[in-house]
Amino acid sequence: MPETVVNIHAAKTQLSQLVARAERGERITIARAGKPVAQLGPAPRRTRRALPPEDPLLNLDEFAIEGAGGKLTNAEIDRIVYGRP
């Protein structure tokens, strides 16, 4: 795809259209007096952070407790789930 160069005045008057083109993946160079001064392009995509494989929520079978378990304190739950003393 050839590089698109737009002067500042045209960029101001066509900003909405230029942003739409950038959303579609195009990179647009903005120039002042023919010299590049800025670039307009697509924003980086956000990625979801994955849970680590050792997270208890992904290993419920390993952390499951037989029976009702009775009333557990927060300290007991931490010890069972996270192996804390």
N, C-alpha and C. Protein backbone atom coordinates (compact mmCIF):
# COMPACT_ATOMS: atom_id res chain seq x y z
N MET A 1 0.85 -1.17 0.00
CA MET A 1 0.00 0.00 0.00
C MET A 1 0.90 1.24 0.00
N PRO A 2 0.71 2.15 -0.92
CA PRO A 2 1.55 3.34 -0.95
C PRO A 2 1.27 4.23 0.26
N GLU A 3 2.31 4.91 0.71
CA GLU A 3 2.17 5.79 1.87
C GLU A 3 1.37 7.02 1.48
N THR A 4 0.42 7.40 2.34
CA THR A 4 -0.39 8.57 2.11
C THR A 4 0.20 9.73 2.90
N VAL A 5 0.44 10.85 2.23
CA VAL A 5 0.95 12.06 2.89
C VAL A 5 -0.11 13.14 2.75
N VAL A 6 -0.48 13.75 3.88
CA VAL A 6 -1.52 14.78 3.89
C VAL A 6 -0.95 15.99 4.61
N ASN A 7 -1.18 17.20 4.06
CA ASN A 7 -0.69 18.38 4.77
C ASN A 7 -1.61 18.70 5.95
N ILE A 8 -1.11 19.50 6.87
CA ILE A 8 -1.83 19.77 8.12
C ILE A 8 -3.21 20.38 7.85
N HIS A 9 -3.31 21.32 6.95
CA HIS A 9 -4.59 21.96 6.67
C HIS A 9 -5.61 20.93 6.20
N ALA A 10 -5.22 20.07 5.28
CA ALA A 10 -6.13 19.03 4.79
C ALA A 10 -6.47 18.04 5.90
N ALA A 11 -5.50 17.73 6.76
CA ALA A 11 -5.76 16.81 7.87
C ALA A 11 -6.80 17.39 8.82
N LYS A 12 -6.73 18.70 9.08
CA LYS A 12 -7.71 19.33 9.96
C LYS A 12 -9.11 19.26 9.36
N THR A 13 -9.22 19.47 8.08
CA THR A 13 -10.55 19.49 7.46
C THR A 13 -11.08 18.09 7.17
N GLN A 14 -10.20 17.10 7.12
CA GLN A 14 -10.62 15.72 6.79
C GLN A 14 -10.35 14.75 7.93
N LEU A 15 -10.25 15.25 9.16
CA LEU A 15 -9.84 14.40 10.27
C LEU A 15 -10.71 13.15 10.42
N SER A 16 -12.01 13.30 10.36
CA SER A 16 -12.90 12.13 10.53
C SER A 16 -12.62 11.05 9.49
N GLN A 17 -12.45 11.45 8.24
CA GLN A 17 -12.19 10.48 7.19
C GLN A 17 -10.81 9.83 7.38
N LEU A 18 -9.83 10.63 7.79
CA LEU A 18 -8.49 10.08 8.00
C LEU A 18 -8.47 9.08 9.16
N VAL A 19 -9.20 9.39 10.21
CA VAL A 19 -9.29 8.47 11.35
C VAL A 19 -9.96 7.17 10.92
N ALA A 20 -11.00 7.25 10.12
CA ALA A 20 -11.67 6.04 9.63
C ALA A 20 -10.71 5.19 8.81
N ARG A 21 -9.90 5.83 7.98
CA ARG A 21 -8.92 5.08 7.19
C ARG A 21 -7.88 4.43 8.09
N ALA A 22 -7.46 5.15 9.13
CA ALA A 22 -6.49 4.61 10.07
C ALA A 22 -7.08 3.41 10.83
N GLU A 23 -8.36 3.48 11.17
CA GLU A 23 -9.02 2.35 11.83
C GLU A 23 -9.00 1.10 10.96
N ARG A 24 -9.02 1.29 9.67
CA ARG A 24 -8.98 0.15 8.74
C ARG A 24 -7.55 -0.34 8.51
N GLY A 25 -6.57 0.29 9.17
CA GLY A 25 -5.20 -0.20 9.10
C GLY A 25 -4.24 0.65 8.29
N GLU A 26 -4.73 1.71 7.67
CA GLU A 26 -3.86 2.55 6.85
C GLU A 26 -3.01 3.47 7.73
N ARG A 27 -1.79 3.72 7.32
CA ARG A 27 -0.91 4.68 8.00
C ARG A 27 -0.85 5.94 7.14
N ILE A 28 -1.09 7.07 7.79
CA ILE A 28 -1.14 8.34 7.09
C ILE A 28 -0.10 9.27 7.72
N THR A 29 0.74 9.86 6.88
CA THR A 29 1.75 10.79 7.35
C THR A 29 1.21 12.20 7.20
N ILE A 30 1.33 12.99 8.26
CA ILE A 30 0.90 14.38 8.22
C ILE A 30 2.15 15.23 8.07
N ALA A 31 2.10 16.15 7.11
CA ALA A 31 3.28 16.95 6.78
C ALA A 31 3.00 18.44 6.92
N ARG A 32 4.05 19.17 7.25
CA ARG A 32 4.00 20.64 7.27
C ARG A 32 5.02 21.11 6.24
N ALA A 33 4.57 21.85 5.27
CA ALA A 33 5.43 22.34 4.19
C ALA A 33 6.16 21.19 3.50
N GLY A 34 5.47 20.06 3.35
CA GLY A 34 6.05 18.92 2.65
C GLY A 34 6.96 18.04 3.49
N LYS A 35 7.20 18.43 4.76
CA LYS A 35 8.08 17.62 5.63
C LYS A 35 7.23 16.87 6.64
N PRO A 36 7.42 15.55 6.74
CA PRO A 36 6.64 14.74 7.68
C PRO A 36 6.84 15.21 9.13
N VAL A 37 5.73 15.37 9.84
CA VAL A 37 5.80 15.78 11.24
C VAL A 37 5.06 14.83 12.18
N ALA A 38 4.16 14.01 11.65
CA ALA A 38 3.38 13.09 12.50
C ALA A 38 2.83 11.96 11.65
N GLN A 39 2.43 10.88 12.35
CA GLN A 39 1.78 9.76 11.66
C GLN A 39 0.48 9.43 12.35
N LEU A 40 -0.48 9.04 11.56
CA LEU A 40 -1.78 8.59 12.05
C LEU A 40 -1.93 7.14 11.62
N GLY A 41 -2.25 6.29 12.57
CA GLY A 41 -2.38 4.87 12.24
C GLY A 41 -3.30 4.18 13.22
N PRO A 42 -3.51 2.89 13.04
CA PRO A 42 -4.41 2.15 13.93
C PRO A 42 -3.82 2.07 15.33
N ALA A 43 -4.69 2.11 16.32
CA ALA A 43 -4.26 1.96 17.71
C ALA A 43 -3.89 0.50 17.96
N PRO A 44 -2.96 0.24 18.87
CA PRO A 44 -2.61 -1.15 19.18
C PRO A 44 -3.82 -1.88 19.77
N ARG A 45 -3.95 -3.13 19.42
CA ARG A 45 -5.08 -3.93 19.93
C ARG A 45 -4.79 -4.35 21.36
N ARG A 46 -5.83 -4.27 22.17
CA ARG A 46 -5.70 -4.72 23.56
C ARG A 46 -5.76 -6.24 23.61
N THR A 47 -4.93 -6.81 24.44
CA THR A 47 -4.96 -8.26 24.62
C THR A 47 -5.42 -8.58 26.03
N ARG A 48 -6.13 -9.66 26.15
CA ARG A 48 -6.57 -10.11 27.47
C ARG A 48 -5.42 -10.80 28.17
N ARG A 49 -5.30 -10.52 29.44
CA ARG A 49 -4.30 -11.21 30.24
C ARG A 49 -4.82 -12.58 30.60
N ALA A 50 -4.07 -13.60 30.32
CA ALA A 50 -4.49 -14.96 30.62
C ALA A 50 -4.15 -15.30 32.07
N LEU A 51 -4.98 -16.16 32.65
CA LEU A 51 -4.68 -16.65 33.99
C LEU A 51 -3.49 -17.59 33.93
N PRO A 52 -2.61 -17.55 34.93
CA PRO A 52 -1.50 -18.50 34.92
C PRO A 52 -2.04 -19.91 35.11
N PRO A 53 -1.36 -20.92 34.53
CA PRO A 53 -1.87 -22.29 34.60
C PRO A 53 -2.02 -22.82 36.02
N GLU A 54 -1.28 -22.25 36.97
CA GLU A 54 -1.37 -22.75 38.35
C GLU A 54 -2.48 -22.06 39.15
N ASP A 55 -3.25 -21.19 38.53
CA ASP A 55 -4.33 -20.49 39.23
C ASP A 55 -5.35 -21.51 39.73
N PRO A 56 -5.75 -21.40 40.99
CA PRO A 56 -6.73 -22.36 41.54
C PRO A 56 -8.03 -22.43 40.76
N LEU A 57 -8.45 -21.34 40.14
CA LEU A 57 -9.70 -21.37 39.38
C LEU A 57 -9.62 -22.29 38.17
N LEU A 58 -8.41 -22.54 37.67
CA LEU A 58 -8.24 -23.45 36.53
C LEU A 58 -7.99 -24.88 36.99
N ASN A 59 -7.83 -25.08 38.29
CA ASN A 59 -7.51 -26.40 38.83
C ASN A 59 -8.47 -26.77 39.96
N LEU A 60 -9.75 -26.61 39.72
CA LEU A 60 -10.73 -26.84 40.79
C LEU A 60 -10.70 -28.27 41.30
N ASP A 61 -10.44 -29.25 40.44
CA ASP A 61 -10.39 -30.63 40.89
C ASP A 61 -9.30 -30.82 41.95
N GLU A 62 -8.18 -30.18 41.75
CA GLU A 62 -7.06 -30.32 42.68
C GLU A 62 -7.37 -29.67 44.03
N PHE A 63 -8.17 -28.60 44.01
CA PHE A 63 -8.44 -27.85 45.23
C PHE A 63 -9.81 -28.16 45.82
N ALA A 64 -10.57 -29.09 45.23
CA ALA A 64 -11.89 -29.41 45.73
C ALA A 64 -11.79 -30.11 47.08
N ILE A 65 -12.80 -29.88 47.92
CA ILE A 65 -12.84 -30.47 49.25
C ILE A 65 -14.04 -31.38 49.32
N GLU A 66 -13.83 -32.58 49.85
CA GLU A 66 -14.93 -33.54 50.00
C GLU A 66 -15.91 -33.04 51.06
N GLY A 67 -17.20 -33.18 50.78
CA GLY A 67 -18.21 -32.85 51.77
C GLY A 67 -18.42 -31.35 51.92
N ALA A 68 -19.22 -31.05 52.93
CA ALA A 68 -19.60 -29.65 53.12
C ALA A 68 -18.43 -28.79 53.58
N GLY A 69 -17.54 -29.35 54.36
CA GLY A 69 -16.37 -28.59 54.80
C GLY A 69 -16.61 -27.76 56.03
N GLY A 70 -17.87 -27.59 56.40
CA GLY A 70 -18.16 -26.80 57.59
C GLY A 70 -17.83 -25.33 57.38
N LYS A 71 -17.75 -24.60 58.48
CA LYS A 71 -17.43 -23.18 58.40
C LYS A 71 -15.91 -23.02 58.33
N LEU A 72 -15.42 -22.36 57.31
CA LEU A 72 -13.98 -22.16 57.15
C LEU A 72 -13.66 -20.69 57.37
N THR A 73 -12.55 -20.44 58.03
CA THR A 73 -12.09 -19.07 58.19
C THR A 73 -11.31 -18.66 56.95
N ASN A 74 -11.06 -17.38 56.81
CA ASN A 74 -10.27 -16.90 55.68
C ASN A 74 -8.88 -17.51 55.69
N ALA A 75 -8.30 -17.66 56.86
CA ALA A 75 -6.96 -18.25 56.97
C ALA A 75 -6.98 -19.70 56.49
N GLU A 76 -8.02 -20.46 56.84
CA GLU A 76 -8.12 -21.84 56.39
C GLU A 76 -8.30 -21.93 54.87
N ILE A 77 -9.10 -21.02 54.33
CA ILE A 77 -9.30 -21.01 52.88
C ILE A 77 -7.98 -20.68 52.17
N ASP A 78 -7.25 -19.69 52.68
CA ASP A 78 -5.93 -19.37 52.10
C ASP A 78 -4.99 -20.56 52.15
N ARG A 79 -4.99 -21.30 53.26
CA ARG A 79 -4.11 -22.46 53.41
C ARG A 79 -4.49 -23.53 52.39
N ILE A 80 -5.79 -23.76 52.21
CA ILE A 80 -6.24 -24.79 51.28
C ILE A 80 -5.96 -24.39 49.83
N VAL A 81 -6.30 -23.16 49.49
CA VAL A 81 -6.20 -22.72 48.10
C VAL A 81 -4.78 -22.38 47.71
N TYR A 82 -4.07 -21.65 48.59
CA TYR A 82 -2.76 -21.13 48.22
C TYR A 82 -1.60 -21.84 48.92
N GLY A 83 -1.91 -22.81 49.79
CA GLY A 83 -0.85 -23.54 50.48
C GLY A 83 -0.12 -22.70 51.51
N ARG A 84 -0.79 -21.68 52.01
CA ARG A 84 -0.16 -20.81 53.02
C ARG A 84 -0.30 -21.43 54.39
N PRO A 85 0.68 -21.26 55.23
CA PRO A 85 0.61 -21.82 56.61
C PRO A 85 -0.40 -21.08 57.46
